[in-house]
Amino acid sequence: MPLPSSTESADSLINSAVDSSSLTDSDHVSVTCEDRWQVYHRLQDLGITCRCGGFKPLQVEVKTPTEALQLWNILRRVSSARPVLIASLDQCWKMPGFER
């Protein structure tokens, strides 16, 4: 399934992957963005199957809902503006049980 590097598209990926029975071994997500190498290396660190060649889109194999969530988070991090990320982090700090 093609996936542009935007938070809205990443959200739709998560929504479609919530039910793990809807995922098959052949589900693939194509990621095209200027930050694809950063995304590629982070996915490699997480052990998520992906391929990326020069001047070609990043191909990510999403096998589980957890992998879909990790991909969504990476895409959000590289595609969101800094103030949005700061606001998100501030919200996390306000969660019950978290002390600075």
Foldseek 3Di string as FASTA:
>chain_A
DEAELDLVSLVVLLVQQVPLVSFDQPDKYWYDDPCQVVLVVVCVVVVWDWDDDPPGTIITGDNHSVSSVVSSVSSCVVPPDPVVVVVVVVVVCPDPPHDD
